[in-house]
PDB file of all heavy atoms in Angstrom:
ATOM      1  N   LEU A   1       0.846  -1.182   0.000  1.00  0.00           N
ATOM      2  CA  LEU A   1       0.000   0.000   0.000  1.00  0.00           C
ATOM      3  C   LEU A   1       0.887   1.238   0.000  1.00  0.00           C
ATOM      4  O   LEU A   1       2.111   1.135   0.127  1.00  0.00           O
ATOM      5  CB  LEU A   1      -0.899  -0.006   1.243  1.00  0.00           C
ATOM      6  CG  LEU A   1      -1.956  -1.108   1.271  1.00  0.00           C
ATOM      7  CD1 LEU A   1      -2.509  -1.298   2.672  1.00  0.00           C
ATOM      8  CD2 LEU A   1      -3.064  -0.781   0.289  1.00  0.00           C
ATOM      9  N   SER A   2       0.280   2.391  -0.110  1.00  0.00           N
ATOM     10  CA  SER A   2       1.026   3.647  -0.126  1.00  0.00           C
ATOM     11  C   SER A   2       1.624   3.934   1.254  1.00  0.00           C
ATOM     12  O   SER A   2       0.981   3.700   2.282  1.00  0.00           O
ATOM     13  CB  SER A   2       0.086   4.775  -0.539  1.00  0.00           C
ATOM     14  OG  SER A   2       0.807   5.941  -0.800  1.00  0.00           O
ATOM     15  N   LYS A   3       2.834   4.430   1.253  1.00  0.00           N
ATOM     16  CA  LYS A   3       3.578   4.717   2.483  1.00  0.00           C
ATOM     17  C   LYS A   3       2.898   5.822   3.301  1.00  0.00           C
ATOM     18  O   LYS A   3       2.512   6.852   2.755  1.00  0.00           O
ATOM     19  CB  LYS A   3       5.005   5.143   2.107  1.00  0.00           C
ATOM     20  CG  LYS A   3       5.928   5.361   3.263  1.00  0.00           C
ATOM     21  CD  LYS A   3       7.313   5.717   2.753  1.00  0.00           C
ATOM     22  CE  LYS A   3       8.312   5.868   3.867  1.00  0.00           C
ATOM     23  NZ  LYS A   3       9.660   6.171   3.338  1.00  0.00           N
ATOM     24  N   GLY A   4       2.758   5.585   4.611  1.00  0.00           N
ATOM     25  CA  GLY A   4       2.262   6.605   5.529  1.00  0.00           C
ATOM     26  C   GLY A   4       0.876   7.126   5.233  1.00  0.00           C
ATOM     27  O   GLY A   4       0.620   8.319   5.358  1.00  0.00           O
ATOM     28  N   SER A   5      -0.032   6.254   4.858  1.00  0.00           N
ATOM     29  CA  SER A   5      -1.370   6.708   4.472  1.00  0.00           C
ATOM     30  C   SER A   5      -2.416   6.392   5.540  1.00  0.00           C
ATOM     31  O   SER A   5      -2.217   5.537   6.399  1.00  0.00           O
ATOM     32  CB  SER A   5      -1.764   6.091   3.133  1.00  0.00           C
ATOM     33  OG  SER A   5      -1.661   4.697   3.172  1.00  0.00           O
ATOM     34  N   SER A   6      -3.538   7.088   5.449  1.00  0.00           N
ATOM     35  CA  SER A   6      -4.643   6.881   6.390  1.00  0.00           C
ATOM     36  C   SER A   6      -5.327   5.539   6.111  1.00  0.00           C
ATOM     37  O   SER A   6      -5.184   4.958   5.032  1.00  0.00           O
ATOM     38  CB  SER A   6      -5.674   8.003   6.238  1.00  0.00           C
ATOM     39  OG  SER A   6      -6.333   7.895   4.981  1.00  0.00           O
ATOM     40  N   ASP A   7      -6.093   5.076   7.084  1.00  0.00           N
ATOM     41  CA  ASP A   7      -6.826   3.821   6.910  1.00  0.00           C
ATOM     42  C   ASP A   7      -7.810   3.917   5.745  1.00  0.00           C
ATOM     43  O   ASP A   7      -7.965   2.968   4.982  1.00  0.00           O
ATOM     44  CB  ASP A   7      -7.569   3.447   8.197  1.00  0.00           C
ATOM     45  CG  ASP A   7      -6.630   2.960   9.293  1.00  0.00           C
ATOM     46  OD1 ASP A   7      -5.464   2.619   8.984  1.00  0.00           O
ATOM     47  OD2 ASP A   7      -7.055   2.938  10.462  1.00  0.00           O
ATOM     48  N   PHE A   8      -8.459   5.080   5.599  1.00  0.00           N
ATOM     49  CA  PHE A   8      -9.403   5.270   4.494  1.00  0.00           C
ATOM     50  C   PHE A   8      -8.684   5.137   3.152  1.00  0.00           C
ATOM     51  O   PHE A   8      -9.166   4.460   2.244  1.00  0.00           O
ATOM     52  CB  PHE A   8     -10.085   6.639   4.595  1.00  0.00           C
ATOM     53  CG  PHE A   8     -10.992   6.935   3.439  1.00  0.00           C
ATOM     54  CD1 PHE A   8     -12.246   6.353   3.349  1.00  0.00           C
ATOM     55  CD2 PHE A   8     -10.578   7.787   2.413  1.00  0.00           C
ATOM     56  CE1 PHE A   8     -13.076   6.613   2.268  1.00  0.00           C
ATOM     57  CE2 PHE A   8     -11.398   8.052   1.330  1.00  0.00           C
ATOM     58  CZ  PHE A   8     -12.650   7.464   1.261  1.00  0.00           C
ATOM     59  N   TYR A   9      -7.530   5.784   3.032  1.00  0.00           N
ATOM     60  CA  TYR A   9      -6.773   5.733   1.777  1.00  0.00           C
ATOM     61  C   TYR A   9      -6.269   4.318   1.507  1.00  0.00           C
ATOM     62  O   TYR A   9      -6.268   3.871   0.355  1.00  0.00           O
ATOM     63  CB  TYR A   9      -5.617   6.733   1.824  1.00  0.00           C
ATOM     64  CG  TYR A   9      -4.883   6.892   0.509  1.00  0.00           C
ATOM     65  CD1 TYR A   9      -5.549   7.241  -0.656  1.00  0.00           C
ATOM     66  CD2 TYR A   9      -3.507   6.704   0.437  1.00  0.00           C
ATOM     67  CE1 TYR A   9      -4.875   7.398  -1.859  1.00  0.00           C
ATOM     68  CE2 TYR A   9      -2.815   6.863  -0.752  1.00  0.00           C
ATOM     69  CZ  TYR A   9      -3.507   7.204  -1.892  1.00  0.00           C
ATOM     70  OH  TYR A   9      -2.834   7.360  -3.077  1.00  0.00           O
ATOM     71  N   LYS A  10      -5.873   3.605   2.529  1.00  0.00           N
ATOM     72  CA  LYS A  10      -5.434   2.211   2.344  1.00  0.00           C
ATOM     73  C   LYS A  10      -6.563   1.382   1.725  1.00  0.00           C
ATOM     74  O   LYS A  10      -6.320   0.584   0.818  1.00  0.00           O
ATOM     75  CB  LYS A  10      -4.993   1.604   3.676  1.00  0.00           C
ATOM     76  CG  LYS A  10      -3.686   2.145   4.187  1.00  0.00           C
ATOM     77  CD  LYS A  10      -3.374   1.581   5.557  1.00  0.00           C
ATOM     78  CE  LYS A  10      -2.163   2.281   6.145  1.00  0.00           C
ATOM     79  NZ  LYS A  10      -1.911   1.896   7.528  1.00  0.00           N
ATOM     80  N   LYS A  11      -7.780   1.571   2.214  1.00  0.00           N
ATOM     81  CA  LYS A  11      -8.934   0.841   1.651  1.00  0.00           C
ATOM     82  C   LYS A  11      -9.142   1.216   0.187  1.00  0.00           C
ATOM     83  O   LYS A  11      -9.411   0.351  -0.651  1.00  0.00           O
ATOM     84  CB  LYS A  11     -10.205   1.126   2.449  1.00  0.00           C
ATOM     85  CG  LYS A  11     -10.253   0.434   3.779  1.00  0.00           C
ATOM     86  CD  LYS A  11     -11.545   0.752   4.500  1.00  0.00           C
ATOM     87  CE  LYS A  11     -11.529   0.165   5.903  1.00  0.00           C
ATOM     88  NZ  LYS A  11     -12.721   0.534   6.666  1.00  0.00           N
ATOM     89  N   GLU A  12      -9.022   2.516  -0.113  1.00  0.00           N
ATOM     90  CA  GLU A  12      -9.197   2.976  -1.494  1.00  0.00           C
ATOM     91  C   GLU A  12      -8.113   2.415  -2.413  1.00  0.00           C
ATOM     92  O   GLU A  12      -8.395   1.997  -3.528  1.00  0.00           O
ATOM     93  CB  GLU A  12      -9.169   4.509  -1.557  1.00  0.00           C
ATOM     94  CG  GLU A  12     -10.428   5.161  -1.097  1.00  0.00           C
ATOM     95  CD  GLU A  12     -10.502   6.599  -1.570  1.00  0.00           C
ATOM     96  OE1 GLU A  12      -9.470   7.278  -1.654  1.00  0.00           O
ATOM     97  OE2 GLU A  12     -11.633   7.034  -1.879  1.00  0.00           O
ATOM     98  N   VAL A  13      -6.881   2.421  -1.947  1.00  0.00           N
ATOM     99  CA  VAL A  13      -5.772   1.911  -2.754  1.00  0.00           C
ATOM    100  C   VAL A  13      -5.926   0.413  -2.987  1.00  0.00           C
ATOM    101  O   VAL A  13      -5.744  -0.069  -4.112  1.00  0.00           O
ATOM    102  CB  VAL A  13      -4.407   2.250  -2.108  1.00  0.00           C
ATOM    103  CG1 VAL A  13      -3.275   1.495  -2.779  1.00  0.00           C
ATOM    104  CG2 VAL A  13      -4.155   3.750  -2.153  1.00  0.00           C
ATOM    105  N   ARG A  14      -6.282  -0.315  -1.946  1.00  0.00           N
ATOM    106  CA  ARG A  14      -6.477  -1.766  -2.087  1.00  0.00           C
ATOM    107  C   ARG A  14      -7.541  -2.045  -3.149  1.00  0.00           C
ATOM    108  O   ARG A  14      -7.338  -2.861  -4.055  1.00  0.00           O
ATOM    109  CB  ARG A  14      -6.874  -2.374  -0.739  1.00  0.00           C
ATOM    110  CG  ARG A  14      -6.975  -3.886  -0.773  1.00  0.00           C
ATOM    111  CD  ARG A  14      -7.229  -4.497   0.609  1.00  0.00           C
ATOM    112  NE  ARG A  14      -5.968  -4.554   1.352  1.00  0.00           N
ATOM    113  CZ  ARG A  14      -5.685  -3.833   2.433  1.00  0.00           C
ATOM    114  NH1 ARG A  14      -6.577  -2.986   2.916  1.00  0.00           N
ATOM    115  NH2 ARG A  14      -4.524  -3.956   3.036  1.00  0.00           N
ATOM    116  N   ALA A  15      -8.671  -1.356  -3.057  1.00  0.00           N
ATOM    117  CA  ALA A  15      -9.759  -1.556  -4.029  1.00  0.00           C
ATOM    118  C   ALA A  15      -9.309  -1.160  -5.435  1.00  0.00           C
ATOM    119  O   ALA A  15      -9.619  -1.860  -6.410  1.00  0.00           O
ATOM    120  CB  ALA A  15     -10.988  -0.753  -3.606  1.00  0.00           C
ATOM    121  N   THR A  16      -8.563  -0.067  -5.555  1.00  0.00           N
ATOM    122  CA  THR A  16      -8.117   0.399  -6.862  1.00  0.00           C
ATOM    123  C   THR A  16      -7.126  -0.575  -7.485  1.00  0.00           C
ATOM    124  O   THR A  16      -7.182  -0.848  -8.693  1.00  0.00           O
ATOM    125  CB  THR A  16      -7.498   1.815  -6.747  1.00  0.00           C
ATOM    126  OG1 THR A  16      -8.480   2.694  -6.182  1.00  0.00           O
ATOM    127  CG2 THR A  16      -7.066   2.344  -8.104  1.00  0.00           C
ATOM    128  N   LYS A  17      -6.234  -1.128  -6.676  1.00  0.00           N
ATOM    129  CA  LYS A  17      -5.275  -2.110  -7.200  1.00  0.00           C
ATOM    130  C   LYS A  17      -5.993  -3.375  -7.670  1.00  0.00           C
ATOM    131  O   LYS A  17      -5.646  -3.942  -8.715  1.00  0.00           O
ATOM    132  CB  LYS A  17      -4.209  -2.444  -6.155  1.00  0.00           C
ATOM    133  CG  LYS A  17      -3.190  -1.335  -5.976  1.00  0.00           C
ATOM    134  CD  LYS A  17      -2.054  -1.775  -5.074  1.00  0.00           C
ATOM    135  CE  LYS A  17      -0.968  -0.719  -5.033  1.00  0.00           C
ATOM    136  NZ  LYS A  17       0.342  -1.292  -4.720  1.00  0.00           N
ATOM    137  N   LEU A  18      -6.987  -3.820  -6.917  1.00  0.00           N
ATOM    138  CA  LEU A  18      -7.754  -4.998  -7.337  1.00  0.00           C
ATOM    139  C   LEU A  18      -8.512  -4.719  -8.638  1.00  0.00           C
ATOM    140  O   LEU A  18      -8.549  -5.563  -9.537  1.00  0.00           O
ATOM    141  CB  LEU A  18      -8.716  -5.436  -6.234  1.00  0.00           C
ATOM    142  CG  LEU A  18      -8.072  -6.021  -4.981  1.00  0.00           C
ATOM    143  CD1 LEU A  18      -9.107  -6.208  -3.881  1.00  0.00           C
ATOM    144  CD2 LEU A  18      -7.343  -7.327  -5.291  1.00  0.00           C
ATOM    145  N   GLU A  19      -9.096  -3.528  -8.750  1.00  0.00           N
ATOM    146  CA  GLU A  19      -9.792  -3.141  -9.987  1.00  0.00           C
ATOM    147  C   GLU A  19      -8.816  -3.097 -11.160  1.00  0.00           C
ATOM    148  O   GLU A  19      -9.148  -3.530 -12.265  1.00  0.00           O
ATOM    149  CB  GLU A  19     -10.453  -1.768  -9.822  1.00  0.00           C
ATOM    150  CG  GLU A  19     -11.663  -1.765  -8.934  1.00  0.00           C
ATOM    151  CD  GLU A  19     -12.162  -0.353  -8.624  1.00  0.00           C
ATOM    152  OE1 GLU A  19     -11.813   0.599  -9.354  1.00  0.00           O
ATOM    153  OE2 GLU A  19     -12.901  -0.207  -7.624  1.00  0.00           O
ATOM    154  N   TRP A  20      -7.606  -2.571 -10.919  1.00  0.00           N
ATOM    155  CA  TRP A  20      -6.590  -2.479 -11.967  1.00  0.00           C
ATOM    156  C   TRP A  20      -6.234  -3.879 -12.474  1.00  0.00           C
ATOM    157  O   TRP A  20      -6.167  -4.106 -13.686  1.00  0.00           O
ATOM    158  CB  TRP A  20      -5.353  -1.759 -11.433  1.00  0.00           C
ATOM    159  CG  TRP A  20      -4.312  -1.473 -12.465  1.00  0.00           C
ATOM    160  CD1 TRP A  20      -4.215  -0.346 -13.229  1.00  0.00           C
ATOM    161  CD2 TRP A  20      -3.217  -2.320 -12.863  1.00  0.00           C
ATOM    162  NE1 TRP A  20      -3.122  -0.437 -14.079  1.00  0.00           N
ATOM    163  CE2 TRP A  20      -2.504  -1.642 -13.869  1.00  0.00           C
ATOM    164  CE3 TRP A  20      -2.776  -3.572 -12.469  1.00  0.00           C
ATOM    165  CZ2 TRP A  20      -1.372  -2.179 -14.481  1.00  0.00           C
ATOM    166  CZ3 TRP A  20      -1.652  -4.121 -13.073  1.00  0.00           C
ATOM    167  CH2 TRP A  20      -0.961  -3.424 -14.075  1.00  0.00           C
ATOM    168  N   LEU A  21      -6.015  -4.809 -11.562  1.00  0.00           N
ATOM    169  CA  LEU A  21      -5.694  -6.184 -11.968  1.00  0.00           C
ATOM    170  C   LEU A  21      -6.826  -6.784 -12.797  1.00  0.00           C
ATOM    171  O   LEU A  21      -6.584  -7.402 -13.835  1.00  0.00           O
ATOM    172  CB  LEU A  21      -5.423  -7.063 -10.745  1.00  0.00           C
ATOM    173  CG  LEU A  21      -4.105  -6.843 -10.034  1.00  0.00           C
ATOM    174  CD1 LEU A  21      -4.105  -7.549  -8.679  1.00  0.00           C
ATOM    175  CD2 LEU A  21      -2.931  -7.327 -10.886  1.00  0.00           C
ATOM    176  N   ASN A  22      -8.059  -6.596 -12.345  1.00  0.00           N
ATOM    177  CA  ASN A  22      -9.212  -7.146 -13.075  1.00  0.00           C
ATOM    178  C   ASN A  22      -9.394  -6.481 -14.435  1.00  0.00           C
ATOM    179  O   ASN A  22      -9.797  -7.135 -15.392  1.00  0.00           O
ATOM    180  CB  ASN A  22     -10.494  -6.994 -12.246  1.00  0.00           C
ATOM    181  CG  ASN A  22     -10.532  -7.958 -11.081  1.00  0.00           C
ATOM    182  OD1 ASN A  22      -9.992  -9.059 -11.147  1.00  0.00           O
ATOM    183  ND2 ASN A  22     -11.154  -7.542 -10.004  1.00  0.00           N
ATOM    184  N   ASP A  23      -9.078  -5.188 -14.508  1.00  0.00           N
ATOM    185  CA  ASP A  23      -9.224  -4.449 -15.755  1.00  0.00           C
ATOM    186  C   ASP A  23      -8.115  -4.786 -16.756  1.00  0.00           C
ATOM    187  O   ASP A  23      -8.372  -5.016 -17.936  1.00  0.00           O
ATOM    188  CB  ASP A  23      -9.227  -2.945 -15.463  1.00  0.00           C
ATOM    189  CG  ASP A  23      -9.364  -2.112 -16.723  1.00  0.00           C
ATOM    190  OD1 ASP A  23     -10.315  -2.347 -17.488  1.00  0.00           O
ATOM    191  OD2 ASP A  23      -8.512  -1.229 -16.950  1.00  0.00           O
ATOM    192  N   LYS A  24      -6.886  -4.803 -16.291  1.00  0.00           N
ATOM    193  CA  LYS A  24      -5.733  -5.003 -17.186  1.00  0.00           C
ATOM    194  C   LYS A  24      -5.492  -6.474 -17.516  1.00  0.00           C
ATOM    195  O   LYS A  24      -5.016  -6.796 -18.607  1.00  0.00           O
ATOM    196  CB  LYS A  24      -4.459  -4.412 -16.578  1.00  0.00           C
ATOM    197  CG  LYS A  24      -4.555  -2.929 -16.256  1.00  0.00           C
ATOM    198  CD  LYS A  24      -4.815  -2.073 -17.473  1.00  0.00           C
ATOM    199  CE  LYS A  24      -4.837  -0.599 -17.104  1.00  0.00           C
ATOM    200  NZ  LYS A  24      -5.306   0.243 -18.171  1.00  0.00           N
ATOM    201  N   PHE A  25      -5.782  -7.357 -16.589  1.00  0.00           N
ATOM    202  CA  PHE A  25      -5.529  -8.793 -16.776  1.00  0.00           C
ATOM    203  C   PHE A  25      -6.775  -9.614 -16.455  1.00  0.00           C
ATOM    204  O   PHE A  25      -6.767 -10.476 -15.575  1.00  0.00           O
ATOM    205  CB  PHE A  25      -4.356  -9.244 -15.891  1.00  0.00           C
ATOM    206  CG  PHE A  25      -3.095  -8.466 -16.122  1.00  0.00           C
ATOM    207  CD1 PHE A  25      -2.643  -7.539 -15.201  1.00  0.00           C
ATOM    208  CD2 PHE A  25      -2.347  -8.654 -17.280  1.00  0.00           C
ATOM    209  CE1 PHE A  25      -1.480  -6.809 -15.419  1.00  0.00           C
ATOM    210  CE2 PHE A  25      -1.187  -7.938 -17.512  1.00  0.00           C
ATOM    211  CZ  PHE A  25      -0.755  -7.005 -16.579  1.00  0.00           C
ATOM    212  N   PRO A  26      -7.869  -9.375 -17.178  1.00  0.00           N
ATOM    213  CA  PRO A  26      -9.130 -10.043 -16.840  1.00  0.00           C
ATOM    214  C   PRO A  26      -9.102 -11.564 -17.021  1.00  0.00           C
ATOM    215  O   PRO A  26      -9.910 -12.261 -16.411  1.00  0.00           O
ATOM    216  CB  PRO A  26     -10.137  -9.390 -17.789  1.00  0.00           C
ATOM    217  CG  PRO A  26      -9.312  -8.927 -18.951  1.00  0.00           C
ATOM    218  CD  PRO A  26      -7.994  -8.526 -18.351  1.00  0.00           C
ATOM    219  N   GLU A  27      -8.183 -12.057 -17.832  1.00  0.00           N
ATOM    220  CA  GLU A  27      -8.139 -13.500 -18.098  1.00  0.00           C
ATOM    221  C   GLU A  27      -7.148 -14.243 -17.219  1.00  0.00           C
ATOM    222  O   GLU A  27      -6.924 -15.438 -17.418  1.00  0.00           O
ATOM    223  CB  GLU A  27      -7.823 -13.716 -19.575  1.00  0.00           C
ATOM    224  CG  GLU A  27      -8.927 -13.185 -20.474  1.00  0.00           C
ATOM    225  CD  GLU A  27      -8.602 -13.321 -21.944  1.00  0.00           C
ATOM    226  OE1 GLU A  27      -7.841 -14.233 -22.321  1.00  0.00           O
ATOM    227  OE2 GLU A  27      -9.109 -12.504 -22.720  1.00  0.00           O
ATOM    228  N   ILE A  28      -6.558 -13.546 -16.242  1.00  0.00           N
ATOM    229  CA  ILE A  28      -5.647 -14.211 -15.305  1.00  0.00           C
ATOM    230  C   ILE A  28      -6.363 -14.317 -13.966  1.00  0.00           C
ATOM    231  O   ILE A  28      -6.846 -13.324 -13.431  1.00  0.00           O
ATOM    232  CB  ILE A  28      -4.322 -13.425 -15.132  1.00  0.00           C
ATOM    233  CG1 ILE A  28      -3.587 -13.311 -16.462  1.00  0.00           C
ATOM    234  CG2 ILE A  28      -3.442 -14.110 -14.085  1.00  0.00           C
ATOM    235  CD1 ILE A  28      -2.348 -12.420 -16.407  1.00  0.00           C
ATOM    236  N   LYS A  29      -6.418 -15.518 -13.448  1.00  0.00           N
ATOM    237  CA  LYS A  29      -7.034 -15.752 -12.141  1.00  0.00           C
ATOM    238  C   LYS A  29      -5.916 -16.060 -11.144  1.00  0.00           C
ATOM    239  O   LYS A  29      -5.397 -17.175 -11.088  1.00  0.00           O
ATOM    240  CB  LYS A  29      -8.038 -16.915 -12.198  1.00  0.00           C
ATOM    241  CG  LYS A  29      -9.138 -16.711 -13.216  1.00  0.00           C
ATOM    242  CD  LYS A  29      -9.933 -15.454 -12.978  1.00  0.00           C
ATOM    243  CE  LYS A  29     -10.959 -15.211 -14.068  1.00  0.00           C
ATOM    244  NZ  LYS A  29     -11.083 -13.822 -14.447  1.00  0.00           N
ATOM    245  N   PHE A  30      -5.519 -15.038 -10.401  1.00  0.00           N
ATOM    246  CA  PHE A  30      -4.444 -15.209  -9.427  1.00  0.00           C
ATOM    247  C   PHE A  30      -4.923 -16.072  -8.266  1.00  0.00           C
ATOM    248  O   PHE A  30      -6.047 -15.943  -7.802  1.00  0.00           O
ATOM    249  CB  PHE A  30      -3.964 -13.845  -8.933  1.00  0.00           C
ATOM    250  CG  PHE A  30      -3.257 -13.048  -9.996  1.00  0.00           C
ATOM    251  CD1 PHE A  30      -3.933 -12.098 -10.736  1.00  0.00           C
ATOM    252  CD2 PHE A  30      -1.917 -13.272 -10.279  1.00  0.00           C
ATOM    253  CE1 PHE A  30      -3.299 -11.368 -11.736  1.00  0.00           C
ATOM    254  CE2 PHE A  30      -1.266 -12.560 -11.279  1.00  0.00           C
ATOM    255  CZ  PHE A  30      -1.959 -11.601 -12.005  1.00  0.00           C
ATOM    256  N   ASP A  31      -4.042 -16.961  -7.813  1.00  0.00           N
ATOM    257  CA  ASP A  31      -4.360 -17.836  -6.692  1.00  0.00           C
ATOM    258  C   ASP A  31      -4.279 -17.099  -5.354  1.00  0.00           C
ATOM    259  O   ASP A  31      -4.971 -17.479  -4.402  1.00  0.00           O
ATOM    260  CB  ASP A  31      -3.402 -19.031  -6.683  1.00  0.00           C
ATOM    261  CG  ASP A  31      -3.539 -19.865  -7.942  1.00  0.00           C
ATOM    262  OD1 ASP A  31      -4.556 -20.563  -8.076  1.00  0.00           O
ATOM    263  OD2 ASP A  31      -2.634 -19.802  -8.802  1.00  0.00           O
ATOM    264  N   GLU A  32      -3.415 -16.101  -5.292  1.00  0.00           N
ATOM    265  CA  GLU A  32      -3.246 -15.294  -4.078  1.00  0.00           C
ATOM    266  C   GLU A  32      -3.085 -13.844  -4.481  1.00  0.00           C
ATOM    267  O   GLU A  32      -2.367 -13.550  -5.426  1.00  0.00           O
ATOM    268  CB  GLU A  32      -1.951 -15.640  -3.334  1.00  0.00           C
ATOM    269  CG  GLU A  32      -1.760 -17.023  -2.858  1.00  0.00           C
ATOM    270  CD  GLU A  32      -0.345 -17.198  -2.300  1.00  0.00           C
ATOM    271  OE1 GLU A  32       0.104 -16.367  -1.483  1.00  0.00           O
ATOM    272  OE2 GLU A  32       0.302 -18.165  -2.702  1.00  0.00           O
ATOM    273  N   ILE A  33      -3.721 -12.966  -3.743  1.00  0.00           N
ATOM    274  CA  ILE A  33      -3.480 -11.527  -3.906  1.00  0.00           C
ATOM    275  C   ILE A  33      -3.361 -10.943  -2.502  1.00  0.00           C
ATOM    276  O   ILE A  33      -4.291 -11.042  -1.689  1.00  0.00           O
ATOM    277  CB  ILE A  33      -4.604 -10.818  -4.677  1.00  0.00           C
ATOM    278  CG1 ILE A  33      -4.738 -11.386  -6.091  1.00  0.00           C
ATOM    279  CG2 ILE A  33      -4.331  -9.306  -4.722  1.00  0.00           C
ATOM    280  CD1 ILE A  33      -5.883 -10.807  -6.906  1.00  0.00           C
ATOM    281  N   HIS A  34      -2.201 -10.378  -2.233  1.00  0.00           N
ATOM    282  CA  HIS A  34      -1.931  -9.752  -0.938  1.00  0.00           C
ATOM    283  C   HIS A  34      -1.541  -8.297  -1.207  1.00  0.00           C
ATOM    284  O   HIS A  34      -0.518  -8.040  -1.839  1.00  0.00           O
ATOM    285  CB  HIS A  34      -0.778 -10.443  -0.209  1.00  0.00           C
ATOM    286  CG  HIS A  34      -0.957 -11.918  -0.070  1.00  0.00           C
ATOM    287  ND1 HIS A  34      -1.737 -12.481   0.914  1.00  0.00           N
ATOM    288  CD2 HIS A  34      -0.458 -12.955  -0.793  1.00  0.00           C
ATOM    289  CE1 HIS A  34      -1.705 -13.807   0.800  1.00  0.00           C
ATOM    290  NE2 HIS A  34      -0.934 -14.115  -0.235  1.00  0.00           N
ATOM    291  N   ILE A  35      -2.355  -7.378  -0.740  1.00  0.00           N
ATOM    292  CA  ILE A  35      -2.031  -5.955  -0.836  1.00  0.00           C
ATOM    293  C   ILE A  35      -1.869  -5.493   0.602  1.00  0.00           C
ATOM    294  O   ILE A  35      -2.849  -5.399   1.346  1.00  0.00           O
ATOM    295  CB  ILE A  35      -3.102  -5.181  -1.617  1.00  0.00           C
ATOM    296  CG1 ILE A  35      -3.218  -5.778  -3.031  1.00  0.00           C
ATOM    297  CG2 ILE A  35      -2.751  -3.692  -1.686  1.00  0.00           C
ATOM    298  CD1 ILE A  35      -4.343  -5.256  -3.865  1.00  0.00           C
ATOM    299  N   ILE A  36      -0.617  -5.259   0.964  1.00  0.00           N
ATOM    300  CA  ILE A  36      -0.248  -5.176   2.381  1.00  0.00           C
ATOM    301  C   ILE A  36       0.388  -3.834   2.745  1.00  0.00           C
ATOM    302  O   ILE A  36       0.780  -3.063   1.882  1.00  0.00           O
ATOM    303  CB  ILE A  36       0.715  -6.331   2.735  1.00  0.00           C
ATOM    304  CG1 ILE A  36       1.999  -6.261   1.900  1.00  0.00           C
ATOM    305  CG2 ILE A  36       0.015  -7.680   2.571  1.00  0.00           C
ATOM    306  CD1 ILE A  36       3.068  -7.284   2.273  1.00  0.00           C
ATOM    307  N   GLN A  37       0.497  -3.636   4.028  1.00  0.00           N
ATOM    308  CA  GLN A  37       1.109  -2.427   4.586  1.00  0.00           C
ATOM    309  C   GLN A  37       2.481  -2.172   3.966  1.00  0.00           C
ATOM    310  O   GLN A  37       3.270  -3.100   3.806  1.00  0.00           O
ATOM    311  CB  GLN A  37       1.244  -2.607   6.110  1.00  0.00           C
ATOM    312  CG  GLN A  37       1.853  -1.444   6.835  1.00  0.00           C
ATOM    313  CD  GLN A  37       0.952  -0.231   6.824  1.00  0.00           C
ATOM    314  OE1 GLN A  37      -0.258  -0.334   6.902  1.00  0.00           O
ATOM    315  NE2 GLN A  37       1.545   0.944   6.702  1.00  0.00           N
ATOM    316  N   TYR A  38       2.746  -0.931   3.639  1.00  0.00           N
ATOM    317  CA  TYR A  38       4.042  -0.549   3.084  1.00  0.00           C
ATOM    318  C   TYR A  38       5.159  -0.971   4.040  1.00  0.00           C
ATOM    319  O   TYR A  38       5.087  -0.741   5.240  1.00  0.00           O
ATOM    320  CB  TYR A  38       4.096   0.969   2.862  1.00  0.00           C
ATOM    321  CG  TYR A  38       5.399   1.423   2.242  1.00  0.00           C
ATOM    322  CD1 TYR A  38       5.540   1.487   0.866  1.00  0.00           C
ATOM    323  CD2 TYR A  38       6.491   1.750   3.034  1.00  0.00           C
ATOM    324  CE1 TYR A  38       6.726   1.882   0.279  1.00  0.00           C
ATOM    325  CE2 TYR A  38       7.690   2.148   2.462  1.00  0.00           C
ATOM    326  CZ  TYR A  38       7.802   2.205   1.092  1.00  0.00           C
ATOM    327  OH  TYR A  38       8.990   2.578   0.521  1.00  0.00           O
TER     328      TYR A  38
END
């Protein structure tokens, strides 16, 4: 996640990264996705 960010922003970034993966690589089904603290 983004360095030194608020809890609200962490939630937004996590959701945005997941959307990006689904948008850019819709045909790849990842077995694990971990979006974690910087």
